[in-house]
Amino acid sequence: MNKEWVKVFIAAFFEVFWVIGLKHANDFWTWSGTALAIFVSFYLMIMAGKKLPVGTVYAIFVGLGTAGTVFSEILFFGETVEAQKIILILVLLAGVIGLKLVTPDKVQKGDAS
């Protein structure tokens, strides 16, 4: 896996923080952390999208962020665990993994515009 894909995975990791922050932030510091997570997340996704297929980058970013947010809500915030919710998240992750597997790792030269 090349460094561009690592950027996508790190961006998705930060996405989980800002999505949770949008729900739970309640003071200057938590809103500042949420804003920082948004910046880092989108910056890394945009940089990876310059060299990788942007549709696949976005799908993986959103899929991993969604799964991470759901699991974080269950683990840390007492969200109910439902079998159908877990099954659907696993289907989503299977699709994300499938997209990654069928997308070539060859980095494309980005457009200078």
PDB file of N, CA and C in Angstrom:
ATOM      1  N   MET A   1       0.849  -1.177   0.000  1.00  0.00           N
ATOM      2  CA  MET A   1       0.000   0.000   0.000  1.00  0.00           C
ATOM      3  C   MET A   1       0.894   1.240   0.000  1.00  0.00           C
ATOM      4  N   ASN A   2       0.583   2.176  -0.891  1.00  0.00           N
ATOM      5  CA  ASN A   2       1.428   3.364  -0.961  1.00  0.00           C
ATOM      6  C   ASN A   2       0.963   4.452   0.007  1.00  0.00           C
ATOM      7  N   LYS A   3       1.745   5.507   0.091  1.00  0.00           N
ATOM      8  CA  LYS A   3       1.469   6.549   1.084  1.00  0.00           C
ATOM      9  C   LYS A   3       0.174   7.305   0.812  1.00  0.00           C
ATOM     10  N   GLU A   4      -0.295   7.326  -0.427  1.00  0.00           N
ATOM     11  CA  GLU A   4      -1.550   8.004  -0.732  1.00  0.00           C
ATOM     12  C   GLU A   4      -2.733   7.285  -0.081  1.00  0.00           C
ATOM     13  N   TRP A   5      -2.699   5.946  -0.085  1.00  0.00           N
ATOM     14  CA  TRP A   5      -3.763   5.194   0.575  1.00  0.00           C
ATOM     15  C   TRP A   5      -3.680   5.360   2.087  1.00  0.00           C
ATOM     16  N   VAL A   6      -2.497   5.482   2.626  1.00  0.00           N
ATOM     17  CA  VAL A   6      -2.344   5.729   4.064  1.00  0.00           C
ATOM     18  C   VAL A   6      -3.008   7.054   4.428  1.00  0.00           C
ATOM     19  N   LYS A   7      -2.866   8.056   3.557  1.00  0.00           N
ATOM     20  CA  LYS A   7      -3.530   9.341   3.789  1.00  0.00           C
ATOM     21  C   LYS A   7      -5.042   9.172   3.871  1.00  0.00           C
ATOM     22  N   VAL A   8      -5.602   8.326   3.008  1.00  0.00           N
ATOM     23  CA  VAL A   8      -7.044   8.104   3.017  1.00  0.00           C
ATOM     24  C   VAL A   8      -7.477   7.479   4.341  1.00  0.00           C
ATOM     25  N   PHE A   9      -6.724   6.487   4.813  1.00  0.00           N
ATOM     26  CA  PHE A   9      -7.080   5.822   6.066  1.00  0.00           C
ATOM     27  C   PHE A   9      -6.942   6.769   7.265  1.00  0.00           C
ATOM     28  N   ILE A  10      -5.912   7.603   7.266  1.00  0.00           N
ATOM     29  CA  ILE A  10      -5.752   8.579   8.352  1.00  0.00           C
ATOM     30  C   ILE A  10      -6.869   9.624   8.282  1.00  0.00           C
ATOM     31  N   ALA A  11      -7.226  10.039   7.070  1.00  0.00           N
ATOM     32  CA  ALA A  11      -8.330  10.993   6.896  1.00  0.00           C
ATOM     33  C   ALA A  11      -9.632  10.420   7.452  1.00  0.00           C
ATOM     34  N   ALA A  12      -9.890   9.151   7.186  1.00  0.00           N
ATOM     35  CA  ALA A  12     -11.102   8.506   7.705  1.00  0.00           C
ATOM     36  C   ALA A  12     -11.067   8.427   9.224  1.00  0.00           C
ATOM     37  N   PHE A  13      -9.890   8.182   9.794  1.00  0.00           N
ATOM     38  CA  PHE A  13      -9.729   8.149  11.241  1.00  0.00           C
ATOM     39  C   PHE A  13     -10.123   9.496  11.847  1.00  0.00           C
ATOM     40  N   PHE A  14      -9.645  10.586  11.243  1.00  0.00           N
ATOM     41  CA  PHE A  14      -9.983  11.918  11.743  1.00  0.00           C
ATOM     42  C   PHE A  14     -11.447  12.258  11.488  1.00  0.00           C
ATOM     43  N   GLU A  15     -12.022  11.674  10.438  1.00  0.00           N
ATOM     44  CA  GLU A  15     -13.441  11.905  10.178  1.00  0.00           C
ATOM     45  C   GLU A  15     -14.296  11.448  11.356  1.00  0.00           C
ATOM     46  N   VAL A  16     -13.933  10.330  11.935  1.00  0.00           N
ATOM     47  CA  VAL A  16     -14.678   9.821  13.091  1.00  0.00           C
ATOM     48  C   VAL A  16     -14.685  10.875  14.203  1.00  0.00           C
ATOM     49  N   PHE A  17     -13.544  11.494  14.455  1.00  0.00           N
ATOM     50  CA  PHE A  17     -13.462  12.496  15.522  1.00  0.00           C
ATOM     51  C   PHE A  17     -14.320  13.718  15.232  1.00  0.00           C
ATOM     52  N   TRP A  18     -14.294  14.192  13.992  1.00  0.00           N
ATOM     53  CA  TRP A  18     -15.078  15.406  13.753  1.00  0.00           C
ATOM     54  C   TRP A  18     -16.571  15.128  13.696  1.00  0.00           C
ATOM     55  N   VAL A  19     -16.968  13.967  13.225  1.00  0.00           N
ATOM     56  CA  VAL A  19     -18.397  13.647  13.217  1.00  0.00           C
ATOM     57  C   VAL A  19     -18.913  13.537  14.656  1.00  0.00           C
ATOM     58  N   ILE A  20     -18.167  12.856  15.500  1.00  0.00           N
ATOM     59  CA  ILE A  20     -18.554  12.763  16.911  1.00  0.00           C
ATOM     60  C   ILE A  20     -18.501  14.146  17.564  1.00  0.00           C
ATOM     61  N   GLY A  21     -17.488  14.928  17.188  1.00  0.00           N
ATOM     62  CA  GLY A  21     -17.382  16.289  17.722  1.00  0.00           C
ATOM     63  C   GLY A  21     -18.572  17.158  17.375  1.00  0.00           C
ATOM     64  N   LEU A  22     -19.129  16.988  16.174  1.00  0.00           N
ATOM     65  CA  LEU A  22     -20.298  17.786  15.797  1.00  0.00           C
ATOM     66  C   LEU A  22     -21.479  17.508  16.720  1.00  0.00           C
ATOM     67  N   LYS A  23     -21.554  16.295  17.226  1.00  0.00           N
ATOM     68  CA  LYS A  23     -22.657  15.938  18.126  1.00  0.00           C
ATOM     69  C   LYS A  23     -22.364  16.309  19.579  1.00  0.00           C
ATOM     70  N   HIS A  24     -21.122  16.122  20.007  1.00  0.00           N
ATOM     71  CA  HIS A  24     -20.815  16.213  21.436  1.00  0.00           C
ATOM     72  C   HIS A  24     -20.034  17.454  21.862  1.00  0.00           C
ATOM     73  N   ALA A  25     -19.537  18.252  20.941  1.00  0.00           N
ATOM     74  CA  ALA A  25     -18.756  19.439  21.322  1.00  0.00           C
ATOM     75  C   ALA A  25     -19.658  20.444  22.033  1.00  0.00           C
ATOM     76  N   ASN A  26     -19.113  21.029  23.102  1.00  0.00           N
ATOM     77  CA  ASN A  26     -19.936  21.964  23.876  1.00  0.00           C
ATOM     78  C   ASN A  26     -19.163  23.148  24.451  1.00  0.00           C
ATOM     79  N   ASP A  27     -17.891  23.271  24.130  1.00  0.00           N
ATOM     80  CA  ASP A  27     -17.125  24.426  24.597  1.00  0.00           C
ATOM     81  C   ASP A  27     -16.049  24.758  23.547  1.00  0.00           C
ATOM     82  N   PHE A  28     -15.284  25.786  23.825  1.00  0.00           N
ATOM     83  CA  PHE A  28     -14.286  26.256  22.871  1.00  0.00           C
ATOM     84  C   PHE A  28     -13.301  25.159  22.478  1.00  0.00           C
ATOM     85  N   TRP A  29     -12.804  24.406  23.455  1.00  0.00           N
ATOM     86  CA  TRP A  29     -11.768  23.418  23.172  1.00  0.00           C
ATOM     87  C   TRP A  29     -12.291  22.231  22.371  1.00  0.00           C
ATOM     88  N   THR A  30     -13.489  21.776  22.691  1.00  0.00           N
ATOM     89  CA  THR A  30     -14.024  20.650  21.923  1.00  0.00           C
ATOM     90  C   THR A  30     -14.396  21.083  20.507  1.00  0.00           C
ATOM     91  N   TRP A  31     -14.900  22.318  20.351  1.00  0.00           N
ATOM     92  CA  TRP A  31     -15.180  22.817  19.004  1.00  0.00           C
ATOM     93  C   TRP A  31     -13.887  23.069  18.235  1.00  0.00           C
ATOM     94  N   SER A  32     -12.844  23.504  18.927  1.00  0.00           N
ATOM     95  CA  SER A  32     -11.541  23.701  18.262  1.00  0.00           C
ATOM     96  C   SER A  32     -10.979  22.362  17.783  1.00  0.00           C
ATOM     97  N   GLY A  33     -11.093  21.340  18.627  1.00  0.00           N
ATOM     98  CA  GLY A  33     -10.640  20.006  18.222  1.00  0.00           C
ATOM     99  C   GLY A  33     -11.439  19.470  17.052  1.00  0.00           C
ATOM    100  N   THR A  34     -12.734  19.744  17.044  1.00  0.00           N
ATOM    101  CA  THR A  34     -13.590  19.316  15.937  1.00  0.00           C
ATOM    102  C   THR A  34     -13.161  20.011  14.643  1.00  0.00           C
ATOM    103  N   ALA A  35     -12.922  21.308  14.725  1.00  0.00           N
ATOM    104  CA  ALA A  35     -12.486  22.066  13.543  1.00  0.00           C
ATOM    105  C   ALA A  35     -11.142  21.565  13.036  1.00  0.00           C
ATOM    106  N   LEU A  36     -10.225  21.275  13.942  1.00  0.00           N
ATOM    107  CA  LEU A  36      -8.916  20.750  13.545  1.00  0.00           C
ATOM    108  C   LEU A  36      -9.065  19.379  12.868  1.00  0.00           C
ATOM    109  N   ALA A  37      -9.913  18.537  13.413  1.00  0.00           N
ATOM    110  CA  ALA A  37     -10.143  17.223  12.821  1.00  0.00           C
ATOM    111  C   ALA A  37     -10.751  17.347  11.425  1.00  0.00           C
ATOM    112  N   ILE A  38     -11.667  18.304  11.238  1.00  0.00           N
ATOM    113  CA  ILE A  38     -12.244  18.541   9.907  1.00  0.00           C
ATOM    114  C   ILE A  38     -11.144  18.941   8.939  1.00  0.00           C
ATOM    115  N   PHE A  39     -10.304  19.877   9.347  1.00  0.00           N
ATOM    116  CA  PHE A  39      -9.228  20.345   8.476  1.00  0.00           C
ATOM    117  C   PHE A  39      -8.285  19.202   8.094  1.00  0.00           C
ATOM    118  N   VAL A  40      -7.804  18.463   9.073  1.00  0.00           N
ATOM    119  CA  VAL A  40      -6.861  17.366   8.804  1.00  0.00           C
ATOM    120  C   VAL A  40      -7.507  16.318   7.909  1.00  0.00           C
ATOM    121  N   SER A  41      -8.731  15.961   8.229  1.00  0.00           N
ATOM    122  CA  SER A  41      -9.443  14.931   7.484  1.00  0.00           C
ATOM    123  C   SER A  41      -9.593  15.304   6.011  1.00  0.00           C
ATOM    124  N   PHE A  42     -10.117  16.493   5.750  1.00  0.00           N
ATOM    125  CA  PHE A  42     -10.338  16.900   4.362  1.00  0.00           C
ATOM    126  C   PHE A  42      -9.038  17.200   3.636  1.00  0.00           C
ATOM    127  N   TYR A  43      -8.058  17.753   4.326  1.00  0.00           N
ATOM    128  CA  TYR A  43      -6.770  18.018   3.688  1.00  0.00           C
ATOM    129  C   TYR A  43      -6.148  16.714   3.179  1.00  0.00           C
ATOM    130  N   LEU A  44      -6.113  15.698   4.034  1.00  0.00           N
ATOM    131  CA  LEU A  44      -5.520  14.426   3.627  1.00  0.00           C
ATOM    132  C   LEU A  44      -6.319  13.762   2.513  1.00  0.00           C
ATOM    133  N   MET A  45      -7.649  13.836   2.589  1.00  0.00           N
ATOM    134  CA  MET A  45      -8.471  13.239   1.541  1.00  0.00           C
ATOM    135  C   MET A  45      -8.248  13.963   0.207  1.00  0.00           C
ATOM    136  N   ILE A  46      -8.187  15.265   0.228  1.00  0.00           N
ATOM    137  CA  ILE A  46      -7.973  16.036  -1.003  1.00  0.00           C
ATOM    138  C   ILE A  46      -6.600  15.739  -1.585  1.00  0.00           C
ATOM    139  N   MET A  47      -5.577  15.671  -0.741  1.00  0.00           N
ATOM    140  CA  MET A  47      -4.227  15.377  -1.235  1.00  0.00           C
ATOM    141  C   MET A  47      -4.162  13.980  -1.862  1.00  0.00           C
ATOM    142  N   ALA A  48      -4.808  13.003  -1.246  1.00  0.00           N
ATOM    143  CA  ALA A  48      -4.822  11.650  -1.808  1.00  0.00           C
ATOM    144  C   ALA A  48      -5.617  11.621  -3.109  1.00  0.00           C
ATOM    145  N   GLY A  49      -6.703  12.393  -3.175  1.00  0.00           N
ATOM    146  CA  GLY A  49      -7.537  12.430  -4.368  1.00  0.00           C
ATOM    147  C   GLY A  49      -6.861  13.045  -5.572  1.00  0.00           C
ATOM    148  N   LYS A  50      -5.786  13.773  -5.358  1.00  0.00           N
ATOM    149  CA  LYS A  50      -5.039  14.342  -6.482  1.00  0.00           C
ATOM    150  C   LYS A  50      -4.251  13.275  -7.228  1.00  0.00           C
ATOM    151  N   LYS A  51      -3.939  12.166  -6.565  1.00  0.00           N
ATOM    152  CA  LYS A  51      -3.103  11.141  -7.185  1.00  0.00           C
ATOM    153  C   LYS A  51      -3.796   9.795  -7.326  1.00  0.00           C
ATOM    154  N   LEU A  52      -4.934   9.617  -6.672  1.00  0.00           N
ATOM    155  CA  LEU A  52      -5.689   8.363  -6.746  1.00  0.00           C
ATOM    156  C   LEU A  52      -7.067   8.667  -7.332  1.00  0.00           C
ATOM    157  N   PRO A  53      -7.778   7.646  -7.793  1.00  0.00           N
ATOM    158  CA  PRO A  53      -9.132   7.877  -8.323  1.00  0.00           C
ATOM    159  C   PRO A  53     -10.037   8.491  -7.248  1.00  0.00           C
ATOM    160  N   VAL A  54     -10.523   9.676  -7.518  1.00  0.00           N
ATOM    161  CA  VAL A  54     -11.230  10.444  -6.499  1.00  0.00           C
ATOM    162  C   VAL A  54     -12.520   9.753  -6.048  1.00  0.00           C
ATOM    163  N   GLY A  55     -13.217   9.078  -6.930  1.00  0.00           N
ATOM    164  CA  GLY A  55     -14.442   8.382  -6.542  1.00  0.00           C
ATOM    165  C   GLY A  55     -14.171   7.282  -5.534  1.00  0.00           C
ATOM    166  N   THR A  56     -13.116   6.538  -5.769  1.00  0.00           N
ATOM    167  CA  THR A  56     -12.749   5.464  -4.849  1.00  0.00           C
ATOM    168  C   THR A  56     -12.245   6.036  -3.527  1.00  0.00           C
ATOM    169  N   VAL A  57     -11.451   7.080  -3.597  1.00  0.00           N
ATOM    170  CA  VAL A  57     -10.955   7.730  -2.376  1.00  0.00           C
ATOM    171  C   VAL A  57     -12.126   8.200  -1.526  1.00  0.00           C
ATOM    172  N   TYR A  58     -13.084   8.851  -2.133  1.00  0.00           N
ATOM    173  CA  TYR A  58     -14.215   9.376  -1.377  1.00  0.00           C
ATOM    174  C   TYR A  58     -15.066   8.247  -0.790  1.00  0.00           C
ATOM    175  N   ALA A  59     -15.303   7.208  -1.583  1.00  0.00           N
ATOM    176  CA  ALA A  59     -16.111   6.082  -1.090  1.00  0.00           C
ATOM    177  C   ALA A  59     -15.441   5.409   0.106  1.00  0.00           C
ATOM    178  N   ILE A  60     -14.144   5.211   0.033  1.00  0.00           N
ATOM    179  CA  ILE A  60     -13.418   4.577   1.137  1.00  0.00           C
ATOM    180  C   ILE A  60     -13.397   5.501   2.352  1.00  0.00           C
ATOM    181  N   PHE A  61     -13.158   6.770   2.127  1.00  0.00           N
ATOM    182  CA  PHE A  61     -13.158   7.767   3.202  1.00  0.00           C
ATOM    183  C   PHE A  61     -14.490   7.760   3.953  1.00  0.00           C
ATOM    184  N   VAL A  62     -15.577   7.844   3.219  1.00  0.00           N
ATOM    185  CA  VAL A  62     -16.902   7.895   3.842  1.00  0.00           C
ATOM    186  C   VAL A  62     -17.265   6.555   4.481  1.00  0.00           C
ATOM    187  N   GLY A  63     -16.962   5.453   3.795  1.00  0.00           N
ATOM    188  CA  GLY A  63     -17.294   4.133   4.341  1.00  0.00           C
ATOM    189  C   GLY A  63     -16.579   3.841   5.642  1.00  0.00           C
ATOM    190  N   LEU A  64     -15.278   4.084   5.660  1.00  0.00           N
ATOM    191  CA  LEU A  64     -14.520   3.847   6.894  1.00  0.00           C
ATOM    192  C   LEU A  64     -14.932   4.822   7.997  1.00  0.00           C
ATOM    193  N   GLY A  65     -15.189   6.062   7.621  1.00  0.00           N
ATOM    194  CA  GLY A  65     -15.641   7.044   8.613  1.00  0.00           C
ATOM    195  C   GLY A  65     -16.987   6.674   9.206  1.00  0.00           C
ATOM    196  N   THR A  66     -17.885   6.202   8.370  1.00  0.00           N
ATOM    197  CA  THR A  66     -19.203   5.781   8.853  1.00  0.00           C
ATOM    198  C   THR A  66     -19.083   4.602   9.806  1.00  0.00           C
ATOM    199  N   ALA A  67     -18.341   3.586   9.391  1.00  0.00           N
ATOM    200  CA  ALA A  67     -18.159   2.405  10.246  1.00  0.00           C
ATOM    201  C   ALA A  67     -17.486   2.794  11.559  1.00  0.00           C
ATOM    202  N   GLY A  68     -16.451   3.605  11.480  1.00  0.00           N
ATOM    203  CA  GLY A  68     -15.750   4.035  12.692  1.00  0.00           C
ATOM    204  C   GLY A  68     -16.631   4.831  13.621  1.00  0.00           C
ATOM    205  N   THR A  69     -17.479   5.686  13.064  1.00  0.00           N
ATOM    206  CA  THR A  69     -18.388   6.486  13.880  1.00  0.00           C
ATOM    207  C   THR A  69     -19.422   5.604  14.575  1.00  0.00           C
ATOM    208  N   VAL A  70     -19.999   4.656  13.855  1.00  0.00           N
ATOM    209  CA  VAL A  70     -20.989   3.760  14.452  1.00  0.00           C
ATOM    210  C   VAL A  70     -20.364   2.939  15.580  1.00  0.00           C
ATOM    211  N   PHE A  71     -19.192   2.357  15.316  1.00  0.00           N
ATOM    212  CA  PHE A  71     -18.539   1.554  16.354  1.00  0.00           C
ATOM    213  C   PHE A  71     -18.113   2.417  17.549  1.00  0.00           C
ATOM    214  N   SER A  72     -17.662   3.638  17.304  1.00  0.00           N
ATOM    215  CA  SER A  72     -17.286   4.532  18.399  1.00  0.00           C
ATOM    216  C   SER A  72     -18.497   4.908  19.249  1.00  0.00           C
ATOM    217  N   GLU A  73     -19.608   5.178  18.604  1.00  0.00           N
ATOM    218  CA  GLU A  73     -20.840   5.495  19.339  1.00  0.00           C
ATOM    219  C   GLU A  73     -21.259   4.306  20.213  1.00  0.00           C
ATOM    220  N   ILE A  74     -21.103   3.099  19.689  1.00  0.00           N
ATOM    221  CA  ILE A  74     -21.453   1.904  20.470  1.00  0.00           C
ATOM    222  C   ILE A  74     -20.495   1.736  21.647  1.00  0.00           C
ATOM    223  N   LEU A  75     -19.195   1.852  21.390  1.00  0.00           N
ATOM    224  CA  LEU A  75     -18.193   1.599  22.424  1.00  0.00           C
ATOM    225  C   LEU A  75     -18.125   2.692  23.492  1.00  0.00           C
ATOM    226  N   PHE A  76     -18.233   3.951  23.071  1.00  0.00           N
ATOM    227  CA  PHE A  76     -17.957   5.041  24.001  1.00  0.00           C
ATOM    228  C   PHE A  76     -19.180   5.832  24.464  1.00  0.00           C
ATOM    229  N   PHE A  77     -20.291   5.718  23.742  1.00  0.00           N
ATOM    230  CA  PHE A  77     -21.427   6.573  24.063  1.00  0.00           C
ATOM    231  C   PHE A  77     -22.724   5.803  24.310  1.00  0.00           C
ATOM    232  N   GLY A  78     -22.633   4.496  24.455  1.00  0.00           N
ATOM    233  CA  GLY A  78     -23.791   3.714  24.843  1.00  0.00           C
ATOM    234  C   GLY A  78     -24.856   3.517  23.784  1.00  0.00           C
ATOM    235  N   GLU A  79     -24.516   3.699  22.532  1.00  0.00           N
ATOM    236  CA  GLU A  79     -25.470   3.437  21.443  1.00  0.00           C
ATOM    237  C   GLU A  79     -25.862   1.969  21.475  1.00  0.00           C
ATOM    238  N   THR A  80     -27.100   1.674  21.176  1.00  0.00           N
ATOM    239  CA  THR A  80     -27.567   0.286  21.222  1.00  0.00           C
ATOM    240  C   THR A  80     -26.923  -0.542  20.119  1.00  0.00           C
ATOM    241  N   VAL A  81     -26.653  -1.792  20.451  1.00  0.00           N
ATOM    242  CA  VAL A  81     -26.072  -2.738  19.488  1.00  0.00           C
ATOM    243  C   VAL A  81     -27.219  -3.562  18.911  1.00  0.00           C
ATOM    244  N   GLU A  82     -27.375  -3.476  17.620  1.00  0.00           N
ATOM    245  CA  GLU A  82     -28.419  -4.238  16.951  1.00  0.00           C
ATOM    246  C   GLU A  82     -27.763  -5.086  15.869  1.00  0.00           C
ATOM    247  N   ALA A  83     -28.213  -6.335  15.759  1.00  0.00           N
ATOM    248  CA  ALA A  83     -27.607  -7.268  14.799  1.00  0.00           C
ATOM    249  C   ALA A  83     -27.655  -6.710  13.385  1.00  0.00           C
ATOM    250  N   GLN A  84     -28.787  -6.158  12.971  1.00  0.00           N
ATOM    251  CA  GLN A  84     -28.884  -5.669  11.600  1.00  0.00           C
ATOM    252  C   GLN A  84     -27.956  -4.487  11.349  1.00  0.00           C
ATOM    253  N   LYS A  85     -27.722  -3.669  12.375  1.00  0.00           N
ATOM    254  CA  LYS A  85     -26.796  -2.545  12.244  1.00  0.00           C
ATOM    255  C   LYS A  85     -25.368  -3.069  12.016  1.00  0.00           C
ATOM    256  N   ILE A  86     -24.957  -4.050  12.801  1.00  0.00           N
ATOM    257  CA  ILE A  86     -23.614  -4.625  12.664  1.00  0.00           C
ATOM    258  C   ILE A  86     -23.462  -5.305  11.302  1.00  0.00           C
ATOM    259  N   ILE A  87     -24.479  -6.038  10.884  1.00  0.00           N
ATOM    260  CA  ILE A  87     -24.416  -6.725   9.586  1.00  0.00           C
ATOM    261  C   ILE A  87     -24.277  -5.706   8.452  1.00  0.00           C
ATOM    262  N   LEU A  88     -25.043  -4.643   8.499  1.00  0.00           N
ATOM    263  CA  LEU A  88     -24.968  -3.630   7.442  1.00  0.00           C
ATOM    264  C   LEU A  88     -23.623  -2.904   7.438  1.00  0.00           C
ATOM    265  N   ILE A  89     -23.066  -2.643   8.599  1.00  0.00           N
ATOM    266  CA  ILE A  89     -21.733  -2.028   8.653  1.00  0.00           C
ATOM    267  C   ILE A  89     -20.694  -2.984   8.067  1.00  0.00           C
ATOM    268  N   LEU A  90     -20.816  -4.283   8.356  1.00  0.00           N
ATOM    269  CA  LEU A  90     -19.887  -5.259   7.787  1.00  0.00           C
ATOM    270  C   LEU A  90     -20.024  -5.334   6.267  1.00  0.00           C
ATOM    271  N   VAL A  91     -21.247  -5.225   5.753  1.00  0.00           N
ATOM    272  CA  VAL A  91     -21.458  -5.190   4.300  1.00  0.00           C
ATOM    273  C   VAL A  91     -20.796  -3.940   3.717  1.00  0.00           C
ATOM    274  N   LEU A  92     -20.962  -2.809   4.398  1.00  0.00           N
ATOM    275  CA  LEU A  92     -20.329  -1.569   3.964  1.00  0.00           C
ATOM    276  C   LEU A  92     -18.809  -1.721   3.921  1.00  0.00           C
ATOM    277  N   LEU A  93     -18.239  -2.293   4.980  1.00  0.00           N
ATOM    278  CA  LEU A  93     -16.788  -2.499   5.016  1.00  0.00           C
ATOM    279  C   LEU A  93     -16.334  -3.463   3.933  1.00  0.00           C
ATOM    280  N   ALA A  94     -17.125  -4.489   3.634  1.00  0.00           N
ATOM    281  CA  ALA A  94     -16.782  -5.415   2.554  1.00  0.00           C
ATOM    282  C   ALA A  94     -16.730  -4.665   1.222  1.00  0.00           C
ATOM    283  N   GLY A  95     -17.669  -3.746   1.010  1.00  0.00           N
ATOM    284  CA  GLY A  95     -17.655  -2.945  -0.208  1.00  0.00           C
ATOM    285  C   GLY A  95     -16.443  -2.037  -0.279  1.00  0.00           C
ATOM    286  N   VAL A  96     -16.083  -1.430   0.840  1.00  0.00           N
ATOM    287  CA  VAL A  96     -14.906  -0.554   0.892  1.00  0.00           C
ATOM    288  C   VAL A  96     -13.638  -1.353   0.600  1.00  0.00           C
ATOM    289  N   ILE A  97     -13.518  -2.514   1.222  1.00  0.00           N
ATOM    290  CA  ILE A  97     -12.350  -3.368   0.987  1.00  0.00           C
ATOM    291  C   ILE A  97     -12.315  -3.812  -0.474  1.00  0.00           C
ATOM    292  N   GLY A  98     -13.474  -4.164  -1.022  1.00  0.00           N
ATOM    293  CA  GLY A  98     -13.547  -4.549  -2.425  1.00  0.00           C
ATOM    294  C   GLY A  98     -13.099  -3.435  -3.348  1.00  0.00           C
ATOM    295  N   LEU A  99     -13.545  -2.212  -3.086  1.00  0.00           N
ATOM    296  CA  LEU A  99     -13.109  -1.072  -3.898  1.00  0.00           C
ATOM    297  C   LEU A  99     -11.598  -0.885  -3.832  1.00  0.00           C
ATOM    298  N   LYS A 100     -11.054  -1.007  -2.640  1.00  0.00           N
ATOM    299  CA  LYS A 100      -9.604  -0.860  -2.486  1.00  0.00           C
ATOM    300  C   LYS A 100      -8.861  -1.946  -3.261  1.00  0.00           C
ATOM    301  N   LEU A 101      -9.370  -3.172  -3.218  1.00  0.00           N
ATOM    302  CA  LEU A 101      -8.695  -4.284  -3.887  1.00  0.00           C
ATOM    303  C   LEU A 101      -8.731  -4.167  -5.410  1.00  0.00           C
ATOM    304  N   VAL A 102      -9.789  -3.596  -5.962  1.00  0.00           N
ATOM    305  CA  VAL A 102      -9.881  -3.505  -7.418  1.00  0.00           C
ATOM    306  C   VAL A 102      -9.310  -2.209  -7.972  1.00  0.00           C
ATOM    307  N   THR A 103      -8.904  -1.300  -7.087  1.00  0.00           N
ATOM    308  CA  THR A 103      -8.311  -0.026  -7.533  1.00  0.00           C
ATOM    309  C   THR A 103      -6.798  -0.185  -7.554  1.00  0.00           C
ATOM    310  N   PRO A 104      -6.184   0.125  -8.698  1.00  0.00           N
ATOM    311  CA  PRO A 104      -4.723  -0.022  -8.776  1.00  0.00           C
ATOM    312  C   PRO A 104      -4.008   0.928  -7.823  1.00  0.00           C
ATOM    313  N   ASP A 105      -2.882   0.468  -7.278  1.00  0.00           N
ATOM    314  CA  ASP A 105      -2.087   1.307  -6.390  1.00  0.00           C
ATOM    315  C   ASP A 105      -1.219   2.303  -7.145  1.00  0.00           C
ATOM    316  N   LYS A 106      -1.212   2.192  -8.449  1.00  0.00           N
ATOM    317  CA  LYS A 106      -0.395   3.104  -9.258  1.00  0.00           C
ATOM    318  C   LYS A 106      -0.841   4.529  -9.027  1.00  0.00           C
ATOM    319  N   VAL A 107       0.074   5.362  -8.580  1.00  0.00           N
ATOM    320  CA  VAL A 107      -0.224   6.748  -8.317  1.00  0.00           C
ATOM    321  C   VAL A 107      -0.214   7.513  -9.628  1.00  0.00           C
ATOM    322  N   GLN A 108      -1.270   8.270  -9.876  1.00  0.00           N
ATOM    323  CA  GLN A 108      -1.355   9.069 -11.095  1.00  0.00           C
ATOM    324  C   GLN A 108      -0.784  10.447 -10.838  1.00  0.00           C
ATOM    325  N   LYS A 109      -0.170  10.981 -11.847  1.00  0.00           N
ATOM    326  CA  LYS A 109       0.361  12.328 -11.718  1.00  0.00           C
ATOM    327  C   LYS A 109      -0.803  13.288 -11.592  1.00  0.00           C
ATOM    328  N   GLY A 110      -0.783  14.132 -10.556  1.00  0.00           N
ATOM    329  CA  GLY A 110      -1.870  15.075 -10.311  1.00  0.00           C
ATOM    330  C   GLY A 110      -1.875  16.202 -11.310  1.00  0.00           C
ATOM    331  N   ASP A 111      -3.029  16.797 -11.487  1.00  0.00           N
ATOM    332  CA  ASP A 111      -3.192  17.951 -12.363  1.00  0.00           C
ATOM    333  C   ASP A 111      -2.684  19.189 -11.623  1.00  0.00           C
ATOM    334  N   ALA A 112      -1.903  19.988 -12.275  1.00  0.00           N
ATOM    335  CA  ALA A 112      -1.289  21.152 -11.639  1.00  0.00           C
ATOM    336  C   ALA A 112      -2.252  22.325 -11.495  1.00  0.00           C
ATOM    337  N   SER A 113      -3.461  22.206 -11.999  1.00  0.00           N
ATOM    338  CA  SER A 113      -4.371  23.363 -11.952  1.00  0.00           C
ATOM    339  C   SER A 113      -4.950  23.627 -10.617  1.00  0.00           C
TER     340      SER A 113
END
